[in-house]
Amino acid sequence: MAVLKVIEVLANSSVSWEEATKSALEQASKSVKNIRSVYVNEQSATVKDGKIDDYRVNVKITFEVK
């Protein structure tokens, strides 16, 4: 039986929500091992001059505790 833990990570990107999600995973991977999944919990964006300025995600990252 595996024991799993979930953490929440906030990340942003000037390109897309997908890039923000990738960034969250890359940063979490630096200190968290055995990552099993990423769940995008929430997406938002900031707007500047009528255009999206910054894409933001709140993700839940699940990893196995050994």
PDB file of N, CA and C in Angstrom:
ATOM      1  N   MET A   1       0.835  -1.174   0.000  1.00  0.00           N
ATOM      2  CA  MET A   1       0.000   0.000   0.000  1.00  0.00           C
ATOM      3  C   MET A   1       0.888   1.249   0.000  1.00  0.00           C
ATOM      4  N   ALA A   2       0.589   2.192  -0.870  1.00  0.00           N
ATOM      5  CA  ALA A   2       1.358   3.439  -0.957  1.00  0.00           C
ATOM      6  C   ALA A   2       0.690   4.519  -0.127  1.00  0.00           C
ATOM      7  N   VAL A   3       1.514   5.363   0.471  1.00  0.00           N
ATOM      8  CA  VAL A   3       1.018   6.532   1.186  1.00  0.00           C
ATOM      9  C   VAL A   3       1.289   7.739   0.299  1.00  0.00           C
ATOM     10  N   LEU A   4       0.233   8.502   0.000  1.00  0.00           N
ATOM     11  CA  LEU A   4       0.354   9.663  -0.880  1.00  0.00           C
ATOM     12  C   LEU A   4       0.067  10.941  -0.104  1.00  0.00           C
ATOM     13  N   LYS A   5       0.720  12.003  -0.512  1.00  0.00           N
ATOM     14  CA  LYS A   5       0.518  13.320   0.096  1.00  0.00           C
ATOM     15  C   LYS A   5       0.219  14.314  -1.018  1.00  0.00           C
ATOM     16  N   VAL A   6      -0.576  15.337  -0.703  1.00  0.00           N
ATOM     17  CA  VAL A   6      -0.944  16.361  -1.684  1.00  0.00           C
ATOM     18  C   VAL A   6      -0.497  17.721  -1.170  1.00  0.00           C
ATOM     19  N   ILE A   7       0.159  18.488  -2.051  1.00  0.00           N
ATOM     20  CA  ILE A   7       0.519  19.865  -1.727  1.00  0.00           C
ATOM     21  C   ILE A   7      -0.110  20.789  -2.767  1.00  0.00           C
ATOM     22  N   GLU A   8      -0.343  22.024  -2.394  1.00  0.00           N
ATOM     23  CA  GLU A   8      -0.850  23.027  -3.340  1.00  0.00           C
ATOM     24  C   GLU A   8       0.276  23.948  -3.736  1.00  0.00           C
ATOM     25  N   VAL A   9       0.346  24.249  -5.032  1.00  0.00           N
ATOM     26  CA  VAL A   9       1.388  25.123  -5.556  1.00  0.00           C
ATOM     27  C   VAL A   9       0.738  26.159  -6.457  1.00  0.00           C
ATOM     28  N   LEU A  10       1.164  27.398  -6.318  1.00  0.00           N
ATOM     29  CA  LEU A  10       0.710  28.482  -7.183  1.00  0.00           C
ATOM     30  C   LEU A  10       1.831  28.829  -8.148  1.00  0.00           C
ATOM     31  N   ALA A  11       1.480  29.048  -9.414  1.00  0.00           N
ATOM     32  CA  ALA A  11       2.500  29.399 -10.410  1.00  0.00           C
ATOM     33  C   ALA A  11       1.890  30.324 -11.453  1.00  0.00           C
ATOM     34  N   ASN A  12       2.755  31.010 -12.191  1.00  0.00           N
ATOM     35  CA  ASN A  12       2.269  31.911 -13.232  1.00  0.00           C
ATOM     36  C   ASN A  12       3.170  31.845 -14.457  1.00  0.00           C
ATOM     37  N   SER A  13       2.633  32.352 -15.571  1.00  0.00           N
ATOM     38  CA  SER A  13       3.365  32.384 -16.832  1.00  0.00           C
ATOM     39  C   SER A  13       2.804  33.513 -17.679  1.00  0.00           C
ATOM     40  N   SER A  14       3.648  34.115 -18.466  1.00  0.00           N
ATOM     41  CA  SER A  14       3.177  35.148 -19.393  1.00  0.00           C
ATOM     42  C   SER A  14       2.723  34.525 -20.718  1.00  0.00           C
ATOM     43  N   VAL A  15       2.884  33.191 -20.854  1.00  0.00           N
ATOM     44  CA  VAL A  15       2.595  32.502 -22.115  1.00  0.00           C
ATOM     45  C   VAL A  15       1.223  31.822 -22.113  1.00  0.00           C
ATOM     46  N   SER A  16       0.975  30.934 -21.122  1.00  0.00           N
ATOM     47  CA  SER A  16      -0.275  30.160 -21.111  1.00  0.00           C
ATOM     48  C   SER A  16      -0.474  29.482 -19.755  1.00  0.00           C
ATOM     49  N   TRP A  17      -1.708  28.949 -19.556  1.00  0.00           N
ATOM     50  CA  TRP A  17      -1.972  28.184 -18.345  1.00  0.00           C
ATOM     51  C   TRP A  17      -1.165  26.891 -18.360  1.00  0.00           C
ATOM     52  N   GLU A  18      -0.974  26.303 -19.533  1.00  0.00           N
ATOM     53  CA  GLU A  18      -0.185  25.082 -19.645  1.00  0.00           C
ATOM     54  C   GLU A  18       1.257  25.332 -19.200  1.00  0.00           C
ATOM     55  N   GLU A  19       1.831  26.442 -19.635  1.00  0.00           N
ATOM     56  CA  GLU A  19       3.202  26.771 -19.228  1.00  0.00           C
ATOM     57  C   GLU A  19       3.277  27.046 -17.726  1.00  0.00           C
ATOM     58  N   ALA A  20       2.250  27.663 -17.171  1.00  0.00           N
ATOM     59  CA  ALA A  20       2.217  27.906 -15.725  1.00  0.00           C
ATOM     60  C   ALA A  20       2.175  26.582 -14.969  1.00  0.00           C
ATOM     61  N   THR A  21       1.404  25.621 -15.477  1.00  0.00           N
ATOM     62  CA  THR A  21       1.328  24.290 -14.859  1.00  0.00           C
ATOM     63  C   THR A  21       2.672  23.583 -14.938  1.00  0.00           C
ATOM     64  N   LYS A  22       3.321  23.648 -16.092  1.00  0.00           N
ATOM     65  CA  LYS A  22       4.648  23.041 -16.253  1.00  0.00           C
ATOM     66  C   LYS A  22       5.643  23.672 -15.293  1.00  0.00           C
ATOM     67  N   SER A  23       5.547  24.975 -15.120  1.00  0.00           N
ATOM     68  CA  SER A  23       6.443  25.683 -14.208  1.00  0.00           C
ATOM     69  C   SER A  23       6.238  25.222 -12.768  1.00  0.00           C
ATOM     70  N   ALA A  24       4.977  25.059 -12.369  1.00  0.00           N
ATOM     71  CA  ALA A  24       4.677  24.582 -11.017  1.00  0.00           C
ATOM     72  C   ALA A  24       5.293  23.211 -10.786  1.00  0.00           C
ATOM     73  N   LEU A  25       5.152  22.325 -11.767  1.00  0.00           N
ATOM     74  CA  LEU A  25       5.699  20.980 -11.652  1.00  0.00           C
ATOM     75  C   LEU A  25       7.223  20.998 -11.607  1.00  0.00           C
ATOM     76  N   GLU A  26       7.842  21.799 -12.461  1.00  0.00           N
ATOM     77  CA  GLU A  26       9.303  21.889 -12.482  1.00  0.00           C
ATOM     78  C   GLU A  26       9.845  22.391 -11.149  1.00  0.00           C
ATOM     79  N   GLN A  27       9.213  23.410 -10.594  1.00  0.00           N
ATOM     80  CA  GLN A  27       9.679  23.958  -9.319  1.00  0.00           C
ATOM     81  C   GLN A  27       9.478  22.959  -8.184  1.00  0.00           C
ATOM     82  N   ALA A  28       8.318  22.315  -8.155  1.00  0.00           N
ATOM     83  CA  ALA A  28       8.045  21.331  -7.097  1.00  0.00           C
ATOM     84  C   ALA A  28       9.016  20.160  -7.194  1.00  0.00           C
ATOM     85  N   SER A  29       9.364  19.761  -8.404  1.00  0.00           N
ATOM     86  CA  SER A  29      10.261  18.625  -8.623  1.00  0.00           C
ATOM     87  C   SER A  29      11.657  18.856  -8.062  1.00  0.00           C
ATOM     88  N   LYS A  30      12.019  20.100  -7.839  1.00  0.00           N
ATOM     89  CA  LYS A  30      13.336  20.405  -7.285  1.00  0.00           C
ATOM     90  C   LYS A  30      13.471  19.927  -5.842  1.00  0.00           C
ATOM     91  N   SER A  31      12.354  19.886  -5.098  1.00  0.00           N
ATOM     92  CA  SER A  31      12.434  19.487  -3.696  1.00  0.00           C
ATOM     93  C   SER A  31      11.525  18.311  -3.338  1.00  0.00           C
ATOM     94  N   VAL A  32      10.594  17.956  -4.216  1.00  0.00           N
ATOM     95  CA  VAL A  32       9.668  16.856  -3.947  1.00  0.00           C
ATOM     96  C   VAL A  32       9.958  15.720  -4.925  1.00  0.00           C
ATOM     97  N   LYS A  33      10.117  14.529  -4.400  1.00  0.00           N
ATOM     98  CA  LYS A  33      10.390  13.351  -5.234  1.00  0.00           C
ATOM     99  C   LYS A  33       9.137  12.472  -5.315  1.00  0.00           C
ATOM    100  N   ASN A  34       9.138  11.561  -6.256  1.00  0.00           N
ATOM    101  CA  ASN A  34       8.057  10.581  -6.429  1.00  0.00           C
ATOM    102  C   ASN A  34       6.708  11.223  -6.747  1.00  0.00           C
ATOM    103  N   ILE A  35       6.707  12.278  -7.560  1.00  0.00           N
ATOM    104  CA  ILE A  35       5.457  12.934  -7.946  1.00  0.00           C
ATOM    105  C   ILE A  35       4.668  11.994  -8.848  1.00  0.00           C
ATOM    106  N   ARG A  36       3.391  11.842  -8.536  1.00  0.00           N
ATOM    107  CA  ARG A  36       2.518  10.945  -9.281  1.00  0.00           C
ATOM    108  C   ARG A  36       1.553  11.672 -10.203  1.00  0.00           C
ATOM    109  N   SER A  37       1.054  12.845  -9.775  1.00  0.00           N
ATOM    110  CA  SER A  37       0.058  13.539 -10.605  1.00  0.00           C
ATOM    111  C   SER A  37       0.000  15.025 -10.279  1.00  0.00           C
ATOM    112  N   VAL A  38      -0.559  15.753 -11.246  1.00  0.00           N
ATOM    113  CA  VAL A  38      -0.803  17.189 -11.081  1.00  0.00           C
ATOM    114  C   VAL A  38      -2.258  17.439 -11.441  1.00  0.00           C
ATOM    115  N   TYR A  39      -2.974  18.109 -10.563  1.00  0.00           N
ATOM    116  CA  TYR A  39      -4.380  18.434 -10.788  1.00  0.00           C
ATOM    117  C   TYR A  39      -4.511  19.956 -10.797  1.00  0.00           C
ATOM    118  N   VAL A  40      -4.997  20.507 -11.911  1.00  0.00           N
ATOM    119  CA  VAL A  40      -5.194  21.954 -11.988  1.00  0.00           C
ATOM    120  C   VAL A  40      -6.492  22.267 -11.257  1.00  0.00           C
ATOM    121  N   ASN A  41      -6.350  22.903 -10.111  1.00  0.00           N
ATOM    122  CA  ASN A  41      -7.481  23.205  -9.245  1.00  0.00           C
ATOM    123  C   ASN A  41      -8.188  24.490  -9.670  1.00  0.00           C
ATOM    124  N   GLU A  42      -7.421  25.468 -10.112  1.00  0.00           N
ATOM    125  CA  GLU A  42      -7.998  26.772 -10.448  1.00  0.00           C
ATOM    126  C   GLU A  42      -7.109  27.484 -11.462  1.00  0.00           C
ATOM    127  N   GLN A  43      -7.750  28.216 -12.366  1.00  0.00           N
ATOM    128  CA  GLN A  43      -7.029  29.034 -13.338  1.00  0.00           C
ATOM    129  C   GLN A  43      -7.544  30.463 -13.235  1.00  0.00           C
ATOM    130  N   SER A  44      -6.641  31.420 -13.397  1.00  0.00           N
ATOM    131  CA  SER A  44      -7.029  32.827 -13.431  1.00  0.00           C
ATOM    132  C   SER A  44      -6.012  33.578 -14.272  1.00  0.00           C
ATOM    133  N   ALA A  45      -6.298  34.830 -14.529  1.00  0.00           N
ATOM    134  CA  ALA A  45      -5.377  35.645 -15.324  1.00  0.00           C
ATOM    135  C   ALA A  45      -5.513  37.099 -14.917  1.00  0.00           C
ATOM    136  N   THR A  46      -4.433  37.837 -15.112  1.00  0.00           N
ATOM    137  CA  THR A  46      -4.498  39.283 -14.928  1.00  0.00           C
ATOM    138  C   THR A  46      -4.584  39.916 -16.315  1.00  0.00           C
ATOM    139  N   VAL A  47      -5.213  41.076 -16.364  1.00  0.00           N
ATOM    140  CA  VAL A  47      -5.438  41.754 -17.647  1.00  0.00           C
ATOM    141  C   VAL A  47      -4.787  43.131 -17.611  1.00  0.00           C
ATOM    142  N   LYS A  48      -4.128  43.470 -18.704  1.00  0.00           N
ATOM    143  CA  LYS A  48      -3.498  44.782 -18.837  1.00  0.00           C
ATOM    144  C   LYS A  48      -3.805  45.306 -20.234  1.00  0.00           C
ATOM    145  N   ASP A  49      -4.348  46.489 -20.325  1.00  0.00           N
ATOM    146  CA  ASP A  49      -4.700  47.111 -21.601  1.00  0.00           C
ATOM    147  C   ASP A  49      -5.600  46.225 -22.458  1.00  0.00           C
ATOM    148  N   GLY A  50      -6.542  45.540 -21.817  1.00  0.00           N
ATOM    149  CA  GLY A  50      -7.506  44.720 -22.538  1.00  0.00           C
ATOM    150  C   GLY A  50      -6.983  43.377 -23.013  1.00  0.00           C
ATOM    151  N   LYS A  51      -5.784  42.999 -22.598  1.00  0.00           N
ATOM    152  CA  LYS A  51      -5.206  41.720 -23.008  1.00  0.00           C
ATOM    153  C   LYS A  51      -4.703  40.965 -21.776  1.00  0.00           C
ATOM    154  N   ILE A  52      -4.669  39.641 -21.894  1.00  0.00           N
ATOM    155  CA  ILE A  52      -4.162  38.839 -20.776  1.00  0.00           C
ATOM    156  C   ILE A  52      -2.672  39.126 -20.598  1.00  0.00           C
ATOM    157  N   ASP A  53      -2.338  39.487 -19.384  1.00  0.00           N
ATOM    158  CA  ASP A  53      -0.966  39.857 -19.038  1.00  0.00           C
ATOM    159  C   ASP A  53      -0.216  38.695 -18.389  1.00  0.00           C
ATOM    160  N   ASP A  54      -0.928  37.914 -17.560  1.00  0.00           N
ATOM    161  CA  ASP A  54      -0.283  36.865 -16.786  1.00  0.00           C
ATOM    162  C   ASP A  54      -1.288  35.744 -16.523  1.00  0.00           C
ATOM    163  N   TYR A  55      -0.911  34.521 -16.851  1.00  0.00           N
ATOM    164  CA  TYR A  55      -1.741  33.344 -16.602  1.00  0.00           C
ATOM    165  C   TYR A  55      -1.333  32.757 -15.256  1.00  0.00           C
ATOM    166  N   ARG A  56      -2.333  32.408 -14.428  1.00  0.00           N
ATOM    167  CA  ARG A  56      -2.041  31.881 -13.103  1.00  0.00           C
ATOM    168  C   ARG A  56      -2.769  30.565 -12.879  1.00  0.00           C
ATOM    169  N   VAL A  57      -2.121  29.642 -12.201  1.00  0.00           N
ATOM    170  CA  VAL A  57      -2.743  28.367 -11.850  1.00  0.00           C
ATOM    171  C   VAL A  57      -2.506  28.043 -10.386  1.00  0.00           C
ATOM    172  N   ASN A  58      -3.475  27.351  -9.826  1.00  0.00           N
ATOM    173  CA  ASN A  58      -3.362  26.764  -8.501  1.00  0.00           C
ATOM    174  C   ASN A  58      -3.455  25.270  -8.746  1.00  0.00           C
ATOM    175  N   VAL A  59      -2.379  24.527  -8.511  1.00  0.00           N
ATOM    176  CA  VAL A  59      -2.364  23.098  -8.786  1.00  0.00           C
ATOM    177  C   VAL A  59      -2.174  22.295  -7.510  1.00  0.00           C
ATOM    178  N   LYS A  60      -2.697  21.081  -7.534  1.00  0.00           N
ATOM    179  CA  LYS A  60      -2.476  20.124  -6.451  1.00  0.00           C
ATOM    180  C   LYS A  60      -1.539  19.060  -7.000  1.00  0.00           C
ATOM    181  N   ILE A  61      -0.439  18.853  -6.304  1.00  0.00           N
ATOM    182  CA  ILE A  61       0.567  17.890  -6.723  1.00  0.00           C
ATOM    183  C   ILE A  61       0.553  16.728  -5.734  1.00  0.00           C
ATOM    184  N   THR A  62       0.386  15.531  -6.272  1.00  0.00           N
ATOM    185  CA  THR A  62       0.339  14.317  -5.437  1.00  0.00           C
ATOM    186  C   THR A  62       1.657  13.563  -5.579  1.00  0.00           C
ATOM    187  N   PHE A  63       2.214  13.169  -4.448  1.00  0.00           N
ATOM    188  CA  PHE A  63       3.452  12.404  -4.472  1.00  0.00           C
ATOM    189  C   PHE A  63       3.430  11.299  -3.431  1.00  0.00           C
ATOM    190  N   GLU A  64       4.240  10.279  -3.685  1.00  0.00           N
ATOM    191  CA  GLU A  64       4.300   9.134  -2.777  1.00  0.00           C
ATOM    192  C   GLU A  64       5.313   9.395  -1.673  1.00  0.00           C
ATOM    193  N   VAL A  65       4.900   9.116  -0.459  1.00  0.00           N
ATOM    194  CA  VAL A  65       5.786   9.230   0.699  1.00  0.00           C
ATOM    195  C   VAL A  65       6.416   7.866   0.924  1.00  0.00           C
ATOM    196  N   LYS A  66       7.740   7.839   0.955  1.00  0.00           N
ATOM    197  CA  LYS A  66       8.447   6.557   1.138  1.00  0.00           C
ATOM    198  C   LYS A  66       8.913   6.397   2.558  1.00  0.00           C
TER     199      LYS A  66
END
